[in-house]
Amino acid sequence: MSRIFDSCAGFIRGLACAVALLPMACNGQNAARNVPTQWAPDSTTVRRAAGPEYNRGAVWRFFWGQHYREIWATPVTVPVFRLATAVPGGLVPLQAGGSYQSRTLRLRAASGQEYVLRSVDKDASAAFTSSWQRWLLGGLMKDQTSVAQPYGAYVAAQLAEAAGVYHTNPRLVYLPDDPALGKFRAAYANDLYLLEERPDGNQRTVASFGHSPAVHSTGLMLATIHERPSAQIDARTYLRARLLDVWLGDWSRREDQWRWASFTHAGRMTYRPIPRDRDQAFFLFDDGFFTRIISWFVPKYQSFHARIRPGAIDGLTATARSLDRTLLGTLTAEDFRQVADSLRLRLTDAAIARAFTAGPPETRASISAYFEPLLRARREQLAEVAQSYYKLLAEEAWVVGTDYAERFVLSDAGPGRLRVKVFVQRPNQADSLVTERTYDRRETSAVELYGLAGNDIFEVLAPCKSGVAVHVFEGAGRNQLVSPRQKNSEVSDITWHTSPSGTTINPTKGVTVKTTSDSTVTNARSWLSRYRL
């Protein structure tokens, strides 16, 4: 289910802990938007606030937070966006979309390049499925749109450029009542939007997408890297993007918030991430009496402050946890340290200051004065953040194979240390090493090996008694467990998980056999059901 349903569920749990607030919630604003818009004499720009309805009184702000209400309520000058003249040959609207929170409109140019308009204003109340929920809490949920910085995507794009992370290039525009909108006119006219390139397909002309010849969805990327070993993720680049997320306070990084630039060289495909949809960057929620209480019960609602609490890393990274365990599993603590140090050096004071020259002129000074000191303070914590993040992921490690035949080799690497190597089996040739990592029982309680399809071999070399529990999920194929047969072999804490129709093995010393009904471990396609795609 989408992040909006998750957010609403968490929000409601928090509300249940503060029953006294319900009368106020019923009185939250839920009026139709009728935002004053002042046109320039030449009709090329308008002056308009993104959300004047969020400018509430002192009592409301005390209970429900100051958030970014003043920025939402400040009128800004915005260029008028006309489909016929926006790019050479004009733009044609193709498809309406978006989550329960945002509205999007996909556009196509005569050249074939696609763009997307994303509404600046949001409305999470649409996630409520019953009329009583909308009546009781709809206005309140709409009001909490003010937790997001309406022009944060501008700043985030500039900071991503400084960080060496691919990014979209949002532009703030006003979409008038344009007849060229056709059937989308009533739903989309007369509002503020962010216009961005749509990261999909051939993007050879877009530098911020790495000039990639093929940009893929997360689902296609995951299917590809698990169908064949010749496709891989650039794990360090993905880690840099994830540390950037934490630095920006962007907790909403579920699978669909990413696209993947692919590059092929010498028969191997490498993917690098393109983060998109920065709606929750600089998230500020805990500055009201009731919103602070709610944040105690919804860990992912981590507000943007100067200090990144070590305990906040879990909540800040939770929405992409399965993706992180899959894509970052080959990296060591030293890799995390190096990437964090490199990122910190790239995010200079000058780069931070330069990022705040983007966005509407009317709000630049106030936004810059508020955010620059916070970002500088958070930058100096990146090394600590990276180590906390590493320890969080290392506690339960995943090693995921492909639908090709592989050989997983387990052995001790010293007291309390487990070494796992993964080889691709190659007929009539030596097996090719794909990954190798050593796990320490002081950091890792369990390692889970997923063979997926292919005739895989899981080989245990004695001694293998590190104290790290090993769970082997064989998947489809004719798989083998190769382990010492001697009664005195030092092997322990290995569990072989097989389906009712899977490989039958005889339990040996240190190896336990369990039957599993988990259908996600069969092959690359079934594995995709582990993610919110």
Protein backbone atom coordinates (compact mmCIF):
# COMPACT_ATOMS: atom_id res chain seq x y z
CA MET A 1 0.00 0.00 0.00
CA SER A 2 1.14 3.53 -0.68
CA ARG A 3 3.02 5.77 1.74
CA ILE A 4 -0.14 7.88 2.10
CA PHE A 5 -2.12 5.00 3.60
CA ASP A 6 0.82 4.21 5.86
CA SER A 7 1.04 7.84 6.89
CA CYS A 8 -2.67 8.09 7.57
CA ALA A 9 -2.63 4.93 9.67
CA GLY A 10 0.23 6.27 11.76
CA PHE A 11 -1.41 9.65 12.01
CA ILE A 12 -4.63 8.08 13.30
CA ARG A 13 -2.74 6.01 15.87
CA GLY A 14 -1.22 9.20 17.18
CA LEU A 15 -4.58 10.90 17.29
CA ALA A 16 -5.98 8.09 19.40
CA CYS A 17 -3.40 8.96 22.03
CA ALA A 18 -4.70 12.52 22.22
CA VAL A 19 -8.47 12.12 22.31
CA ALA A 20 -8.98 15.65 23.51
CA LEU A 21 -7.98 17.05 20.15
CA LEU A 22 -10.97 15.63 18.25
CA PRO A 23 -13.27 18.64 18.58
CA MET A 24 -10.50 20.80 17.12
CA ALA A 25 -9.89 18.32 14.33
CA CYS A 26 -13.51 18.51 13.28
CA ASN A 27 -13.13 22.24 12.87
CA GLY A 28 -10.02 21.97 10.65
CA GLN A 29 -10.22 23.73 7.32
CA ASN A 30 -11.63 21.77 4.43
CA ALA A 31 -12.85 24.54 2.20
CA ALA A 32 -12.48 24.55 -1.55
CA ARG A 33 -9.39 26.39 -2.78
CA ASN A 34 -9.98 29.83 -4.21
CA VAL A 35 -6.55 31.42 -4.14
CA PRO A 36 -6.24 35.07 -5.17
CA THR A 37 -4.12 35.34 -8.33
CA GLN A 38 -2.71 38.65 -9.58
CA TRP A 39 -1.79 38.72 -13.25
CA ALA A 40 1.06 40.81 -14.65
CA PRO A 41 0.03 43.34 -17.35
CA ASP A 42 1.72 41.25 -20.05
CA SER A 43 0.17 37.99 -18.76
CA THR A 44 3.54 36.24 -18.63
CA THR A 45 3.61 35.91 -14.84
CA VAL A 46 1.22 35.74 -11.90
CA ARG A 47 1.64 36.59 -8.26
CA ARG A 48 0.10 33.99 -6.00
CA ALA A 49 0.64 32.16 -2.69
CA ALA A 50 1.05 28.40 -2.76
CA GLY A 51 -1.27 27.83 0.19
CA PRO A 52 -2.71 30.88 1.98
CA GLU A 53 -5.24 28.65 3.72
CA TYR A 54 -2.47 27.23 5.91
CA ASN A 55 -1.87 30.62 7.56
CA ARG A 56 -3.71 29.80 10.79
CA GLY A 57 -3.98 31.68 14.07
CA ALA A 58 -1.73 31.45 17.12
CA VAL A 59 -3.87 28.91 19.01
CA TRP A 60 -4.05 26.56 16.05
CA ARG A 61 -0.31 26.86 15.51
CA PHE A 62 0.36 26.07 19.15
CA PHE A 63 -1.55 22.81 18.96
CA TRP A 64 -0.91 21.82 15.31
CA GLY A 65 2.45 23.39 14.59
CA GLN A 66 3.93 26.44 12.93
CA HIS A 67 5.43 24.21 10.22
CA TYR A 68 6.11 26.20 7.01
CA ARG A 69 2.84 28.14 7.06
CA GLU A 70 4.44 31.52 6.43
CA ILE A 71 6.20 30.27 3.30
CA TRP A 72 2.98 28.73 2.02
CA ALA A 73 1.13 32.00 2.62
CA THR A 74 3.71 34.29 0.96
CA PRO A 75 2.68 35.41 -2.55
CA VAL A 76 5.40 34.65 -5.10
CA THR A 77 5.93 35.58 -8.74
CA VAL A 78 5.55 32.59 -11.05
CA PRO A 79 5.85 32.28 -14.85
CA VAL A 80 2.69 31.31 -16.72
CA PHE A 81 3.02 27.94 -18.42
CA ARG A 82 1.30 27.57 -21.78
CA LEU A 83 1.36 24.16 -23.43
CA ALA A 84 1.61 25.53 -26.98
CA THR A 85 4.78 27.56 -26.37
CA ALA A 86 6.49 25.81 -23.42
CA VAL A 87 8.93 23.96 -25.71
CA PRO A 88 9.44 23.99 -29.49
CA GLY A 89 6.44 22.30 -31.04
CA GLY A 90 4.43 22.53 -27.83
CA LEU A 91 3.36 19.94 -25.29
CA VAL A 92 0.44 17.50 -25.38
CA PRO A 93 -1.15 16.24 -22.13
CA LEU A 94 -1.15 12.46 -22.03
CA GLN A 95 -2.19 11.07 -18.69
CA ALA A 96 -3.36 12.19 -15.27
CA GLY A 97 -1.80 10.50 -12.28
CA GLY A 98 -0.30 10.95 -8.86
CA SER A 99 -0.79 9.45 -5.45
CA TYR A 100 -3.59 10.21 -3.04
CA GLN A 101 -1.55 13.24 -2.01
CA SER A 102 -0.30 14.82 -5.25
CA ARG A 103 -1.80 15.40 -8.68
CA THR A 104 0.40 14.86 -11.71
CA LEU A 105 -0.05 15.36 -15.43
CA ARG A 106 2.24 13.72 -17.96
CA LEU A 107 3.15 15.76 -21.03
CA ARG A 108 4.90 14.91 -24.29
CA ALA A 109 6.84 17.19 -26.61
CA ALA A 110 7.02 16.85 -30.39
CA SER A 111 10.55 15.49 -29.94
CA GLY A 112 9.19 12.62 -27.86
CA GLN A 113 10.69 13.98 -24.60
CA GLU A 114 8.25 13.61 -21.73
CA TYR A 115 7.66 15.92 -18.80
CA VAL A 116 5.47 15.83 -15.73
CA LEU A 117 3.60 18.52 -13.82
CA ARG A 118 3.35 17.84 -10.07
CA SER A 119 0.99 19.90 -7.96
CA VAL A 120 2.69 22.05 -5.32
CA ASP A 121 -0.30 21.77 -3.00
CA LYS A 122 -1.12 18.34 -1.59
CA ASP A 123 -4.11 16.70 0.04
CA ALA A 124 -3.58 13.50 2.01
CA SER A 125 -7.22 13.48 3.17
CA ALA A 126 -8.19 11.76 -0.08
CA ALA A 127 -6.65 8.58 1.37
CA PHE A 128 -9.57 8.22 3.77
CA THR A 129 -12.00 5.65 2.40
CA SER A 130 -15.04 6.43 4.58
CA SER A 131 -17.11 9.60 4.78
CA TRP A 132 -16.89 9.79 8.59
CA GLN A 133 -13.08 9.76 8.44
CA ARG A 134 -13.07 12.55 5.87
CA TRP A 135 -15.58 14.56 7.95
CA LEU A 136 -13.70 14.05 11.20
CA LEU A 137 -10.07 14.32 10.07
CA GLY A 138 -10.06 15.42 6.43
CA GLY A 139 -9.58 19.12 7.16
CA LEU A 140 -6.83 18.36 9.65
CA MET A 141 -4.95 16.11 7.23
CA LYS A 142 -5.19 18.79 4.56
CA ASP A 143 -3.85 21.38 7.01
CA GLN A 144 -0.81 19.22 7.70
CA THR A 145 0.34 19.72 4.11
CA SER A 146 2.13 22.67 5.72
CA VAL A 147 4.73 20.27 7.21
CA ALA A 148 6.38 20.25 3.76
CA GLN A 149 8.46 23.12 2.44
CA PRO A 150 6.59 24.00 -0.78
CA TYR A 151 9.75 24.97 -2.69
CA GLY A 152 12.07 22.42 -1.08
CA ALA A 153 12.42 20.49 -4.34
CA TYR A 154 14.31 23.44 -5.83
CA VAL A 155 16.92 23.37 -3.07
CA ALA A 156 17.09 19.56 -3.01
CA ALA A 157 17.93 19.44 -6.73
CA GLN A 158 20.79 21.91 -6.32
CA LEU A 159 22.16 20.03 -3.31
CA ALA A 160 21.92 16.72 -5.19
CA GLU A 161 24.01 18.26 -7.96
CA ALA A 162 26.64 19.27 -5.41
CA ALA A 163 26.53 15.79 -3.88
CA GLY A 164 27.07 14.03 -7.20
CA VAL A 165 23.60 12.43 -7.15
CA TYR A 166 21.37 12.36 -10.23
CA HIS A 167 18.22 14.48 -9.95
CA THR A 168 15.27 16.05 -11.72
CA ASN A 169 15.25 19.79 -12.46
CA PRO A 170 11.99 21.23 -11.14
CA ARG A 171 10.62 24.59 -12.31
CA LEU A 172 7.76 26.37 -10.59
CA VAL A 173 5.01 27.29 -13.05
CA TYR A 174 1.41 28.48 -13.06
CA LEU A 175 -0.93 26.48 -15.29
CA PRO A 176 -3.77 28.75 -16.47
CA ASP A 177 -7.16 27.78 -17.83
CA ASP A 178 -5.60 26.61 -21.10
CA PRO A 179 -7.93 25.06 -23.74
CA ALA A 180 -4.98 22.90 -24.81
CA LEU A 181 -5.48 20.91 -21.59
CA GLY A 182 -8.52 19.29 -23.19
CA LYS A 183 -10.22 16.80 -20.90
CA PHE A 184 -7.78 17.63 -18.10
CA ARG A 185 -8.77 21.31 -18.04
CA ALA A 186 -11.29 21.23 -15.19
CA ALA A 187 -9.07 19.21 -12.84
CA TYR A 188 -5.71 20.88 -13.51
CA ALA A 189 -6.22 24.50 -14.57
CA ASN A 190 -5.42 27.53 -12.40
CA ASP A 191 -2.86 26.09 -9.99
CA LEU A 192 0.86 25.98 -9.19
CA TYR A 193 2.95 23.03 -10.37
CA LEU A 194 6.53 21.84 -10.50
CA LEU A 195 7.52 21.01 -14.07
CA GLU A 196 10.18 18.29 -14.37
CA GLU A 197 11.69 16.01 -16.97
CA ARG A 198 10.15 12.57 -16.67
CA PRO A 199 13.00 10.15 -15.89
CA ASP A 200 12.09 7.26 -18.17
CA GLY A 201 13.46 5.69 -21.34
CA ASN A 202 16.18 7.31 -23.42
CA GLN A 203 17.69 10.29 -21.54
CA ARG A 204 20.92 10.76 -23.49
CA THR A 205 20.33 14.53 -23.65
CA VAL A 206 19.77 15.05 -19.90
CA ALA A 207 23.00 15.60 -17.97
CA SER A 208 21.35 15.30 -14.55
CA PHE A 209 20.30 11.74 -15.49
CA GLY A 210 23.86 10.86 -16.49
CA HIS A 211 22.99 10.93 -20.23
CA SER A 212 21.64 7.42 -19.69
CA PRO A 213 20.42 5.62 -22.84
CA ALA A 214 17.76 3.83 -20.79
CA VAL A 215 16.18 4.86 -17.49
CA HIS A 216 14.20 2.09 -15.79
CA SER A 217 11.62 1.80 -13.04
CA THR A 218 12.53 0.22 -9.71
CA GLY A 219 10.55 -2.89 -10.60
CA LEU A 220 12.44 -3.40 -13.85
CA MET A 221 15.79 -2.68 -12.19
CA LEU A 222 15.16 -5.23 -9.43
CA ALA A 223 13.95 -7.86 -11.88
CA THR A 224 17.01 -7.33 -14.09
CA ILE A 225 19.69 -7.54 -11.38
CA HIS A 226 18.10 -10.71 -10.00
CA GLU A 227 17.53 -12.40 -13.33
CA ARG A 228 21.17 -12.30 -14.40
CA PRO A 229 24.50 -11.66 -12.66
CA SER A 230 25.75 -9.41 -15.49
CA ALA A 231 23.49 -6.63 -14.20
CA GLN A 232 24.45 -4.87 -10.99
CA ILE A 233 23.78 -1.80 -8.87
CA ASP A 234 26.38 0.85 -8.15
CA ALA A 235 25.99 0.35 -4.41
CA ARG A 236 28.23 3.20 -3.30
CA THR A 237 26.33 5.67 -5.48
CA TYR A 238 23.04 4.45 -4.03
CA LEU A 239 24.47 4.83 -0.52
CA ARG A 240 25.46 8.40 -1.32
CA ALA A 241 21.88 9.08 -2.42
CA ARG A 242 20.50 7.54 0.77
CA LEU A 243 22.82 9.59 2.99
CA LEU A 244 21.65 12.65 1.05
CA ASP A 245 18.06 11.64 1.92
CA VAL A 246 18.89 11.56 5.61
CA TRP A 247 20.76 14.86 5.42
CA LEU A 248 17.69 16.46 3.79
CA GLY A 249 15.34 14.87 6.31
CA ASP A 250 13.47 13.11 3.47
CA TRP A 251 11.91 10.02 5.04
CA SER A 252 9.54 9.20 2.17
CA ARG A 253 11.76 7.20 -0.16
CA ARG A 254 9.64 4.17 -1.01
CA GLU A 255 10.45 2.15 -4.11
CA ASP A 256 8.43 4.27 -6.54
CA GLN A 257 10.36 7.39 -5.49
CA TRP A 258 13.33 6.16 -7.53
CA ARG A 259 14.24 5.70 -11.15
CA TRP A 260 17.43 4.01 -12.34
CA ALA A 261 19.85 5.17 -15.01
CA SER A 262 21.35 2.17 -16.79
CA PHE A 263 24.73 2.00 -18.48
CA THR A 264 26.13 -0.93 -20.47
CA HIS A 265 29.84 -1.60 -20.88
CA ALA A 266 31.63 -4.77 -21.96
CA GLY A 267 28.47 -6.81 -21.67
CA ARG A 268 27.67 -5.68 -18.12
CA MET A 269 24.84 -3.38 -17.08
CA THR A 270 25.24 -0.98 -14.14
CA TYR A 271 22.40 0.95 -12.52
CA ARG A 272 22.72 4.30 -10.75
CA PRO A 273 19.84 5.91 -8.82
CA ILE A 274 17.75 8.92 -9.75
CA PRO A 275 15.80 10.07 -6.68
CA ARG A 276 12.55 11.85 -7.54
CA ASP A 277 9.61 13.49 -5.75
CA ARG A 278 11.20 15.46 -2.91
CA ASP A 279 7.89 16.40 -1.29
CA GLN A 280 9.02 15.41 2.22
CA ALA A 281 12.49 16.97 2.19
CA PHE A 282 12.93 19.32 5.18
CA PHE A 283 9.88 17.71 6.84
CA LEU A 284 8.85 19.70 9.95
CA PHE A 285 6.13 18.11 12.07
CA ASP A 286 6.98 18.14 15.78
CA ASP A 287 6.63 21.87 16.49
CA GLY A 288 3.03 21.69 17.74
CA PHE A 289 1.65 20.28 20.98
CA PHE A 290 -0.37 17.50 19.38
CA THR A 291 1.95 16.89 16.44
CA ARG A 292 4.83 16.30 18.83
CA ILE A 293 2.76 13.66 20.64
CA ILE A 294 1.87 12.01 17.32
CA SER A 295 5.53 11.92 16.28
CA TRP A 296 6.30 9.77 19.33
CA PHE A 297 4.05 7.04 17.89
CA VAL A 298 5.07 7.35 14.21
CA PRO A 299 8.88 6.91 14.11
CA LYS A 300 9.23 7.84 10.44
CA TYR A 301 7.91 11.34 11.19
CA GLN A 302 11.37 12.69 11.93
CA SER A 303 11.48 16.48 11.79
CA PHE A 304 14.25 18.52 10.22
CA HIS A 305 16.41 20.03 12.97
CA ALA A 306 20.10 20.86 13.43
CA ARG A 307 20.77 17.58 15.23
CA ILE A 308 20.15 14.17 13.68
CA ARG A 309 19.48 11.92 16.65
CA PRO A 310 21.10 8.45 16.33
CA GLY A 311 17.73 6.92 17.14
CA ALA A 312 16.14 8.82 14.26
CA ILE A 313 18.01 6.86 11.56
CA ASP A 314 15.64 3.91 11.83
CA GLY A 315 12.56 6.05 11.19
CA LEU A 316 14.20 8.20 8.52
CA THR A 317 15.18 5.16 6.44
CA ALA A 318 12.27 2.81 7.16
CA THR A 319 10.26 3.28 3.95
CA ALA A 320 13.15 1.98 1.82
CA ARG A 321 14.32 -0.74 4.23
CA SER A 322 13.82 -3.69 1.86
CA LEU A 323 15.49 -1.79 -0.96
CA ASP A 324 18.40 -0.88 1.29
CA ARG A 325 18.95 -4.44 2.50
CA THR A 326 18.95 -5.63 -1.10
CA LEU A 327 21.18 -2.98 -2.67
CA LEU A 328 23.57 -2.10 0.15
CA GLY A 329 24.25 -5.62 1.37
CA THR A 330 27.70 -5.84 -0.22
CA LEU A 331 29.07 -2.70 1.49
CA THR A 332 31.21 -2.75 4.63
CA ALA A 333 31.48 -0.30 7.50
CA GLU A 334 34.55 1.16 5.78
CA ASP A 335 32.54 1.72 2.60
CA PHE A 336 29.92 3.62 4.62
CA ARG A 337 32.64 5.74 6.25
CA GLN A 338 34.31 6.58 2.95
CA VAL A 339 31.08 7.53 1.20
CA ALA A 340 30.01 9.73 4.14
CA ASP A 341 33.38 11.49 4.21
CA SER A 342 33.28 12.06 0.46
CA LEU A 343 29.74 13.46 0.67
CA ARG A 344 30.65 15.79 3.53
CA LEU A 345 33.55 17.22 1.54
CA ARG A 346 31.34 17.85 -1.50
CA LEU A 347 28.69 19.71 0.52
CA THR A 348 30.73 22.85 1.10
CA ASP A 349 29.35 26.03 2.64
CA ALA A 350 29.50 27.59 -0.83
CA ALA A 351 27.50 24.72 -2.36
CA ILE A 352 24.86 25.02 0.34
CA ALA A 353 24.60 28.80 -0.13
CA ARG A 354 24.41 28.41 -3.91
CA ALA A 355 21.47 26.00 -3.59
CA PHE A 356 19.37 28.70 -1.96
CA THR A 357 19.66 31.02 -4.94
CA ALA A 358 17.00 28.81 -6.58
CA GLY A 359 13.29 29.18 -5.96
CA PRO A 360 10.96 32.18 -5.81
CA PRO A 361 12.78 35.49 -5.08
CA GLU A 362 10.20 36.51 -2.48
CA THR A 363 11.09 33.62 -0.15
CA ARG A 364 14.81 33.10 -0.84
CA ALA A 365 16.20 35.26 1.95
CA SER A 366 14.02 33.83 4.72
CA ILE A 367 14.47 30.24 3.53
CA SER A 368 18.23 30.65 3.23
CA ALA A 369 18.61 32.25 6.67
CA TYR A 370 16.65 29.42 8.27
CA PHE A 371 18.02 26.38 6.45
CA GLU A 372 21.70 27.08 5.81
CA PRO A 373 22.82 26.82 9.48
CA LEU A 374 20.76 23.63 9.91
CA LEU A 375 22.27 21.99 6.84
CA ARG A 376 25.81 22.92 7.89
CA ALA A 377 25.21 21.40 11.33
CA ARG A 378 23.71 18.22 9.85
CA ARG A 379 26.59 17.89 7.38
CA GLU A 380 29.08 17.54 10.22
CA GLN A 381 27.11 14.54 11.54
CA LEU A 382 27.24 12.52 8.32
CA ALA A 383 30.02 10.20 9.52
CA GLU A 384 28.05 9.36 12.66
CA VAL A 385 24.87 8.96 10.63
CA ALA A 386 26.60 6.56 8.23
CA GLN A 387 27.86 4.33 11.02
CA SER A 388 24.44 4.22 12.68
CA TYR A 389 22.91 3.39 9.32
CA TYR A 390 25.46 0.63 8.70
CA LYS A 391 24.83 -0.96 12.09
CA LEU A 392 21.07 -0.87 11.50
CA LEU A 393 21.36 -2.73 8.20
CA ALA A 394 24.14 -5.08 9.37
CA GLU A 395 22.02 -6.47 12.18
CA GLU A 396 20.03 -8.54 9.67
CA ALA A 397 21.90 -8.98 6.39
CA TRP A 398 20.54 -10.19 3.06
CA VAL A 399 22.55 -11.90 0.32
CA VAL A 400 20.33 -12.23 -2.74
CA GLY A 401 21.28 -14.34 -5.73
CA THR A 402 19.89 -14.45 -9.26
CA ASP A 403 17.99 -16.88 -11.48
CA TYR A 404 21.36 -18.15 -12.77
CA ALA A 405 23.17 -21.01 -11.06
CA GLU A 406 25.36 -19.75 -8.24
CA ARG A 407 27.59 -21.16 -5.53
CA PHE A 408 27.36 -19.68 -2.03
CA VAL A 409 30.36 -20.53 0.16
CA LEU A 410 30.25 -20.09 3.95
CA SER A 411 33.25 -20.30 6.24
CA ASP A 412 34.73 -18.82 9.40
CA ALA A 413 36.97 -15.77 9.04
CA GLY A 414 38.32 -15.78 12.57
CA PRO A 415 36.62 -15.89 15.98
CA GLY A 416 33.03 -14.63 15.76
CA ARG A 417 33.34 -13.80 12.05
CA LEU A 418 31.50 -15.35 9.09
CA ARG A 419 32.70 -15.06 5.50
CA VAL A 420 30.18 -15.40 2.64
CA LYS A 421 31.32 -15.64 -0.97
CA VAL A 422 29.02 -15.81 -3.99
CA PHE A 423 30.25 -17.27 -7.28
CA VAL A 424 28.52 -17.57 -10.64
CA GLN A 425 28.77 -21.13 -11.91
CA ARG A 426 30.30 -21.29 -15.39
CA PRO A 427 30.29 -24.59 -17.29
CA ASN A 428 33.77 -25.78 -18.26
CA GLN A 429 35.33 -22.73 -16.59
CA ALA A 430 36.30 -21.67 -13.12
CA ASP A 431 33.42 -20.16 -11.16
CA SER A 432 33.47 -16.35 -11.13
CA LEU A 433 33.46 -14.48 -7.80
CA VAL A 434 30.63 -11.94 -7.64
CA THR A 435 30.61 -10.74 -4.04
CA GLU A 436 32.44 -11.39 -0.79
CA ARG A 437 31.72 -10.00 2.63
CA THR A 438 32.67 -10.84 6.23
CA TYR A 439 30.11 -10.50 9.04
CA ASP A 440 30.92 -9.96 12.72
CA ARG A 441 28.58 -11.42 15.33
CA ARG A 442 28.97 -8.21 17.35
CA GLU A 443 27.13 -6.41 14.51
CA THR A 444 25.15 -9.13 12.77
CA SER A 445 22.76 -11.56 14.39
CA ALA A 446 21.62 -13.27 11.18
CA VAL A 447 22.53 -13.57 7.51
CA GLU A 448 19.82 -14.64 5.07
CA LEU A 449 20.88 -16.23 1.77
CA TYR A 450 18.34 -16.24 -1.09
CA GLY A 451 19.26 -18.43 -4.03
CA LEU A 452 16.16 -17.64 -6.14
CA ALA A 453 16.00 -19.79 -9.29
CA GLY A 454 18.88 -21.72 -10.85
CA ASN A 455 20.59 -24.88 -9.67
CA ASP A 456 22.42 -23.35 -6.73
CA ILE A 457 25.06 -24.87 -4.48
CA PHE A 458 25.33 -23.82 -0.83
CA GLU A 459 28.72 -24.97 0.43
CA VAL A 460 29.70 -24.95 4.10
CA LEU A 461 33.41 -25.16 4.90
CA ALA A 462 34.34 -26.30 8.39
CA PRO A 463 34.87 -24.74 10.74
CA CYS A 464 31.73 -22.60 10.38
CA LYS A 465 30.76 -21.71 13.91
CA SER A 466 30.89 -17.92 14.03
CA GLY A 467 27.82 -17.38 16.19
CA VAL A 468 26.05 -15.63 13.30
CA ALA A 469 22.81 -17.44 12.45
CA VAL A 470 22.61 -18.41 8.76
CA HIS A 471 19.25 -18.90 7.03
CA VAL A 472 19.36 -20.46 3.56
CA PHE A 473 16.27 -20.00 1.35
CA GLU A 474 16.93 -22.25 -1.60
CA GLY A 475 14.31 -20.99 -4.09
CA ALA A 476 13.48 -22.84 -7.30
CA GLY A 477 15.88 -25.20 -9.08
CA ARG A 478 17.74 -28.39 -8.18
CA ASN A 479 19.76 -27.06 -5.27
CA GLN A 480 22.43 -28.69 -3.11
CA LEU A 481 23.70 -28.23 0.40
CA VAL A 482 27.33 -29.33 0.64
CA SER A 483 28.46 -29.62 4.24
CA PRO A 484 30.94 -31.73 6.22
CA ARG A 485 29.66 -35.17 7.15
CA GLN A 486 32.01 -35.82 10.02
CA LYS A 487 30.33 -36.01 13.41
CA ASN A 488 32.93 -33.76 14.97
CA SER A 489 32.67 -31.05 12.31
CA GLU A 490 32.40 -27.58 13.79
CA VAL A 491 29.27 -26.32 12.05
CA SER A 492 26.36 -24.61 13.81
CA ASP A 493 23.42 -22.21 13.44
CA ILE A 494 22.52 -23.03 9.83
CA THR A 495 18.86 -23.39 8.85
CA TRP A 496 17.83 -24.73 5.44
CA HIS A 497 14.43 -23.33 4.39
CA THR A 498 12.72 -25.33 1.66
CA SER A 499 9.25 -25.42 0.11
CA PRO A 500 7.09 -28.58 0.33
CA SER A 501 8.16 -29.43 -3.23
CA GLY A 502 11.74 -28.22 -2.82
CA THR A 503 15.05 -29.97 -2.31
CA THR A 504 15.06 -32.69 0.34
CA ILE A 505 18.19 -32.86 2.43
CA ASN A 506 19.07 -34.88 5.46
CA PRO A 507 19.75 -32.84 8.59
CA THR A 508 23.37 -32.97 9.64
CA LYS A 509 25.28 -31.67 12.61
CA GLY A 510 24.66 -27.92 12.94
CA VAL A 511 22.07 -27.82 10.14
CA THR A 512 18.32 -27.60 10.75
CA VAL A 513 15.71 -28.14 8.02
CA LYS A 514 12.46 -26.15 7.96
CA THR A 515 9.60 -26.05 5.49
CA THR A 516 8.56 -22.57 4.38
CA SER A 517 5.49 -21.32 2.55
CA ASP A 518 7.18 -18.06 1.57
CA SER A 519 6.39 -17.72 -2.14
CA THR A 520 8.58 -14.63 -2.61
CA VAL A 521 11.84 -16.60 -2.65
CA THR A 522 11.17 -18.74 -5.74
CA ASN A 523 12.71 -16.58 -8.48
CA ALA A 524 13.46 -13.00 -9.53
CA ARG A 525 9.85 -12.23 -10.42
CA SER A 526 8.37 -13.58 -7.21
CA TRP A 527 11.04 -11.70 -5.25
CA LEU A 528 9.52 -8.41 -6.45
CA SER A 529 6.52 -8.92 -4.16
CA ARG A 530 8.80 -8.02 -1.25
CA TYR A 531 8.71 -4.40 -2.38
CA ARG A 532 6.02 -1.76 -2.65
CA LEU A 533 6.06 -1.35 -6.43
